[in-house]
């Protein structure tokens, strides 16, 4: 006749109950399997981190290039502004405030509608224009020396 044994009362050679040893072995096996999955997941995540770090480096390089380009554009705009100011100054050099012969201005108001004025081409205007050009050239040379 077979005798029924209480599995908790059956001990291994070290005196541990066999059922508890079996449960501990199953838990250990599950934990090892879980560790393998975590190690695999860690590898995948490390690859993603590496890829993202590489992309970040590329984006930083691109950003630095764009910042330099922006600085160059701002510098060019400032130079153009200074150039416009210098050009305005050159164009007004030697010109008196009461010059009325340019652009068809005759010194009267135009309340009566559109009025066309005949342009002049006198030697006097040509002489004044030459003087203004000479003065503007001299002023430009002074500006270039700065």
C-alpha atoms as a PDB file:
ATOM      1  CA  UNK A   1       0.000   0.000   0.000  1.00  0.00           C
ATOM      2  CA  UNK A   2       1.112   3.417  -0.868  1.00  0.00           C
ATOM      3  CA  UNK A   3       1.369   5.813   1.811  1.00  0.00           C
ATOM      4  CA  UNK A   4       0.293   9.441   1.288  1.00  0.00           C
ATOM      5  CA  UNK A   5       2.873  11.903   2.284  1.00  0.00           C
ATOM      6  CA  UNK A   6       2.333  15.451   3.322  1.00  0.00           C
ATOM      7  CA  UNK A   7       4.550  17.367   0.861  1.00  0.00           C
ATOM      8  CA  UNK A   8       5.321  19.983   3.490  1.00  0.00           C
ATOM      9  CA  UNK A   9       6.684  17.307   5.757  1.00  0.00           C
ATOM     10  CA  UNK A  10       8.987  15.848   3.033  1.00  0.00           C
ATOM     11  CA  UNK A  11      12.359  17.498   3.323  1.00  0.00           C
ATOM     12  CA  UNK A  12      15.389  17.531   1.095  1.00  0.00           C
ATOM     13  CA  UNK A  13      18.840  16.600   2.279  1.00  0.00           C
ATOM     14  CA  UNK A  14      19.297  19.984   3.974  1.00  0.00           C
ATOM     15  CA  UNK A  15      16.051  19.849   5.817  1.00  0.00           C
ATOM     16  CA  UNK A  16      14.012  22.246   3.618  1.00  0.00           C
ATOM     17  CA  UNK A  17      10.458  21.280   2.698  1.00  0.00           C
ATOM     18  CA  UNK A  18      10.410  20.113  -0.985  1.00  0.00           C
ATOM     19  CA  UNK A  19       7.300  22.114  -1.921  1.00  0.00           C
ATOM     20  CA  UNK A  20       8.914  25.343  -0.763  1.00  0.00           C
ATOM     21  CA  UNK A  21      12.091  24.484  -2.686  1.00  0.00           C
ATOM     22  CA  UNK A  22      10.033  23.855  -5.845  1.00  0.00           C
ATOM     23  CA  UNK A  23       8.234  27.228  -5.428  1.00  0.00           C
ATOM     24  CA  UNK A  24      11.534  29.014  -4.917  1.00  0.00           C
ATOM     25  CA  UNK A  25      12.972  27.380  -8.065  1.00  0.00           C
ATOM     26  CA  UNK A  26       9.928  28.492 -10.112  1.00  0.00           C
ATOM     27  CA  UNK A  27      10.231  32.041  -8.769  1.00  0.00           C
ATOM     28  CA  UNK A  28      13.946  32.073  -9.567  1.00  0.00           C
ATOM     29  CA  UNK A  29      13.248  30.831 -13.099  1.00  0.00           C
ATOM     30  CA  UNK A  30      10.617  33.568 -13.629  1.00  0.00           C
ATOM     31  CA  UNK A  31      12.969  36.235 -12.297  1.00  0.00           C
ATOM     32  CA  UNK A  32      15.775  35.094 -14.623  1.00  0.00           C
ATOM     33  CA  UNK A  33      13.376  35.218 -17.553  1.00  0.00           C
ATOM     34  CA  UNK A  34      12.274  38.711 -16.457  1.00  0.00           C
ATOM     35  CA  UNK A  35      15.925  39.782 -16.129  1.00  0.00           C
ATOM     36  CA  UNK A  36      16.641  38.593 -19.681  1.00  0.00           C
ATOM     37  CA  UNK A  37      13.685  40.605 -20.967  1.00  0.00           C
ATOM     38  CA  UNK A  38      14.853  43.674 -19.035  1.00  0.00           C
ATOM     39  CA  UNK A  39      18.402  43.288 -20.362  1.00  0.00           C
ATOM     40  CA  UNK A  40      17.040  43.037 -23.905  1.00  0.00           C
ATOM     41  CA  UNK A  41      14.831  46.104 -23.345  1.00  0.00           C
ATOM     42  CA  UNK A  42      17.824  47.959 -21.875  1.00  0.00           C
ATOM     43  CA  UNK A  43      19.822  47.255 -25.059  1.00  0.00           C
ATOM     44  CA  UNK A  44      17.010  48.589 -27.230  1.00  0.00           C
ATOM     45  CA  UNK A  45      16.691  51.705 -25.068  1.00  0.00           C
ATOM     46  CA  UNK A  46      20.460  52.284 -25.153  1.00  0.00           C
ATOM     47  CA  UNK A  47      20.360  52.151 -28.966  1.00  0.00           C
ATOM     48  CA  UNK A  48      17.532  54.700 -28.961  1.00  0.00           C
ATOM     49  CA  UNK A  49      19.495  56.962 -26.585  1.00  0.00           C
ATOM     50  CA  UNK A  50      22.547  56.700 -28.833  1.00  0.00           C
ATOM     51  CA  UNK A  51      20.462  57.574 -31.909  1.00  0.00           C
ATOM     52  CA  UNK A  52      18.837  60.526 -30.139  1.00  0.00           C
ATOM     53  CA  UNK A  53      22.221  61.826 -28.934  1.00  0.00           C
ATOM     54  CA  UNK A  54      23.524  61.651 -32.500  1.00  0.00           C
ATOM     55  CA  UNK A  55      20.463  63.513 -33.815  1.00  0.00           C
ATOM     56  CA  UNK A  56      20.849  66.098 -31.044  1.00  0.00           C
ATOM     57  CA  UNK A  57      24.458  66.702 -32.058  1.00  0.00           C
ATOM     58  CA  UNK A  58      23.432  67.133 -35.699  1.00  0.00           C
ATOM     59  CA  UNK A  59      20.651  69.552 -34.718  1.00  0.00           C
ATOM     60  CA  UNK A  60      23.062  71.575 -32.570  1.00  0.00           C
ATOM     61  CA  UNK A  61      25.464  71.874 -35.499  1.00  0.00           C
ATOM     62  CA  UNK A  62      22.590  72.931 -37.758  1.00  0.00           C
ATOM     63  CA  UNK A  63      21.398  75.437 -35.139  1.00  0.00           C
ATOM     64  CA  UNK A  64      24.874  76.940 -34.812  1.00  0.00           C
ATOM     65  CA  UNK A  65      25.058  77.309 -38.587  1.00  0.00           C
ATOM     66  CA  UNK A  66      21.683  79.041 -38.670  1.00  0.00           C
ATOM     67  CA  UNK A  67      22.686  81.345 -35.799  1.00  0.00           C
ATOM     68  CA  UNK A  68      25.861  82.327 -37.666  1.00  0.00           C
ATOM     69  CA  UNK A  69      23.841  82.942 -40.818  1.00  0.00           C
ATOM     70  CA  UNK A  70      21.424  85.119 -38.836  1.00  0.00           C
ATOM     71  CA  UNK A  71      24.318  87.105 -37.340  1.00  0.00           C
ATOM     72  CA  UNK A  72      25.742  87.644 -40.837  1.00  0.00           C
ATOM     73  CA  UNK A  73      22.361  88.821 -42.124  1.00  0.00           C
ATOM     74  CA  UNK A  74      21.964  91.223 -39.188  1.00  0.00           C
ATOM     75  CA  UNK A  75      25.475  92.565 -39.798  1.00  0.00           C
ATOM     76  CA  UNK A  76      24.619  93.081 -43.495  1.00  0.00           C
ATOM     77  CA  UNK A  77      21.400  94.882 -42.582  1.00  0.00           C
ATOM     78  CA  UNK A  78      23.289  97.188 -40.211  1.00  0.00           C
ATOM     79  CA  UNK A  79      25.850  97.895 -42.925  1.00  0.00           C
ATOM     80  CA  UNK A  80      23.064  98.688 -45.396  1.00  0.00           C
ATOM     81  CA  UNK A  81      21.459 101.028 -42.878  1.00  0.00           C
ATOM     82  CA  UNK A  82      24.756 102.843 -42.387  1.00  0.00           C
ATOM     83  CA  UNK A  83      25.224 102.913 -46.168  1.00  0.00           C
ATOM     84  CA  UNK A  84      21.778 104.445 -46.668  1.00  0.00           C
ATOM     85  CA  UNK A  85      22.523 107.063 -44.032  1.00  0.00           C
ATOM     86  CA  UNK A  86      25.841 107.881 -45.720  1.00  0.00           C
ATOM     87  CA  UNK A  87      24.154 107.988 -49.136  1.00  0.00           C
ATOM     88  CA  UNK A  88      21.467 110.348 -47.845  1.00  0.00           C
ATOM     89  CA  UNK A  89      24.189 112.549 -46.396  1.00  0.00           C
ATOM     90  CA  UNK A  90      26.111 112.501 -49.693  1.00  0.00           C
ATOM     91  CA  UNK A  91      23.037 113.442 -51.673  1.00  0.00           C
ATOM     92  CA  UNK A  92      22.285 116.398 -49.426  1.00  0.00           C
ATOM     93  CA  UNK A  93      25.890 117.714 -49.330  1.00  0.00           C
ATOM     94  CA  UNK A  94      26.180 121.074 -51.022  1.00  0.00           C
ATOM     95  CA  UNK A  95      22.470 121.406 -51.503  1.00  0.00           C
ATOM     96  CA  UNK A  96      20.842 124.463 -50.092  1.00  0.00           C
ATOM     97  CA  UNK A  97      17.384 124.378 -48.604  1.00  0.00           C
ATOM     98  CA  UNK A  98      15.972 126.815 -51.159  1.00  0.00           C
ATOM     99  CA  UNK A  99      16.819 124.781 -54.295  1.00  0.00           C
ATOM    100  CA  UNK A 100      13.606 124.652 -56.317  1.00  0.00           C
ATOM    101  CA  UNK A 101      14.746 123.499 -59.726  1.00  0.00           C
ATOM    102  CA  UNK A 102      14.678 119.729 -59.213  1.00  0.00           C
ATOM    103  CA  UNK A 103      11.771 117.386 -59.929  1.00  0.00           C
ATOM    104  CA  UNK A 104       9.675 120.075 -61.580  1.00  0.00           C
ATOM    105  CA  UNK A 105       9.071 122.043 -58.406  1.00  0.00           C
ATOM    106  CA  UNK A 106       8.303 125.693 -59.111  1.00  0.00           C
ATOM    107  CA  UNK A 107       7.782 126.952 -55.561  1.00  0.00           C
ATOM    108  CA  UNK A 108       4.023 127.420 -55.687  1.00  0.00           C
ATOM    109  CA  UNK A 109       1.282 125.311 -54.193  1.00  0.00           C
ATOM    110  CA  UNK A 110      -0.731 123.083 -56.480  1.00  0.00           C
ATOM    111  CA  UNK A 111      -4.233 123.708 -55.171  1.00  0.00           C
ATOM    112  CA  UNK A 112      -5.653 124.157 -58.635  1.00  0.00           C
ATOM    113  CA  UNK A 113      -5.086 120.550 -59.769  1.00  0.00           C
ATOM    114  CA  UNK A 114      -2.350 118.900 -61.754  1.00  0.00           C
ATOM    115  CA  UNK A 115       0.152 121.310 -63.169  1.00  0.00           C
ATOM    116  CA  UNK A 116       3.070 120.389 -65.409  1.00  0.00           C
ATOM    117  CA  UNK A 117       6.238 122.432 -65.327  1.00  0.00           C
ATOM    118  CA  UNK A 118       8.691 122.638 -68.182  1.00  0.00           C
ATOM    119  CA  UNK A 119      12.120 121.403 -67.114  1.00  0.00           C
ATOM    120  CA  UNK A 120      15.174 123.596 -67.641  1.00  0.00           C
ATOM    121  CA  UNK A 121      18.553 122.609 -68.920  1.00  0.00           C
ATOM    122  CA  UNK A 122      20.474 125.785 -68.365  1.00  0.00           C
ATOM    123  CA  UNK A 123      24.225 126.030 -67.961  1.00  0.00           C
ATOM    124  CA  UNK A 124      23.687 127.420 -64.464  1.00  0.00           C
ATOM    125  CA  UNK A 125      21.898 124.247 -63.308  1.00  0.00           C
ATOM    126  CA  UNK A 126      24.606 122.134 -64.921  1.00  0.00           C
ATOM    127  CA  UNK A 127      27.312 124.099 -63.115  1.00  0.00           C
ATOM    128  CA  UNK A 128      25.523 123.690 -59.752  1.00  0.00           C
ATOM    129  CA  UNK A 129      25.111 119.970 -60.443  1.00  0.00           C
ATOM    130  CA  UNK A 130      28.863 119.609 -61.189  1.00  0.00           C
ATOM    131  CA  UNK A 131      29.705 121.417 -57.961  1.00  0.00           C
ATOM    132  CA  UNK A 132      27.405 119.116 -56.002  1.00  0.00           C
ATOM    133  CA  UNK A 133      28.961 116.043 -57.603  1.00  0.00           C
ATOM    134  CA  UNK A 134      32.468 117.268 -56.755  1.00  0.00           C
ATOM    135  CA  UNK A 135      31.428 117.978 -53.150  1.00  0.00           C
ATOM    136  CA  UNK A 136      29.756 114.563 -52.892  1.00  0.00           C
ATOM    137  CA  UNK A 137      32.898 112.831 -54.211  1.00  0.00           C
ATOM    138  CA  UNK A 138      35.069 114.636 -51.684  1.00  0.00           C
ATOM    139  CA  UNK A 139      32.688 113.721 -48.870  1.00  0.00           C
ATOM    140  CA  UNK A 140      32.615 110.080 -49.999  1.00  0.00           C
ATOM    141  CA  UNK A 141      36.431 109.944 -49.908  1.00  0.00           C
ATOM    142  CA  UNK A 142      36.360 111.287 -46.346  1.00  0.00           C
ATOM    143  CA  UNK A 143      33.821 108.612 -45.374  1.00  0.00           C
ATOM    144  CA  UNK A 144      35.894 105.871 -46.962  1.00  0.00           C
ATOM    145  CA  UNK A 145      38.922 106.897 -44.891  1.00  0.00           C
ATOM    146  CA  UNK A 146      37.006 106.380 -41.643  1.00  0.00           C
END
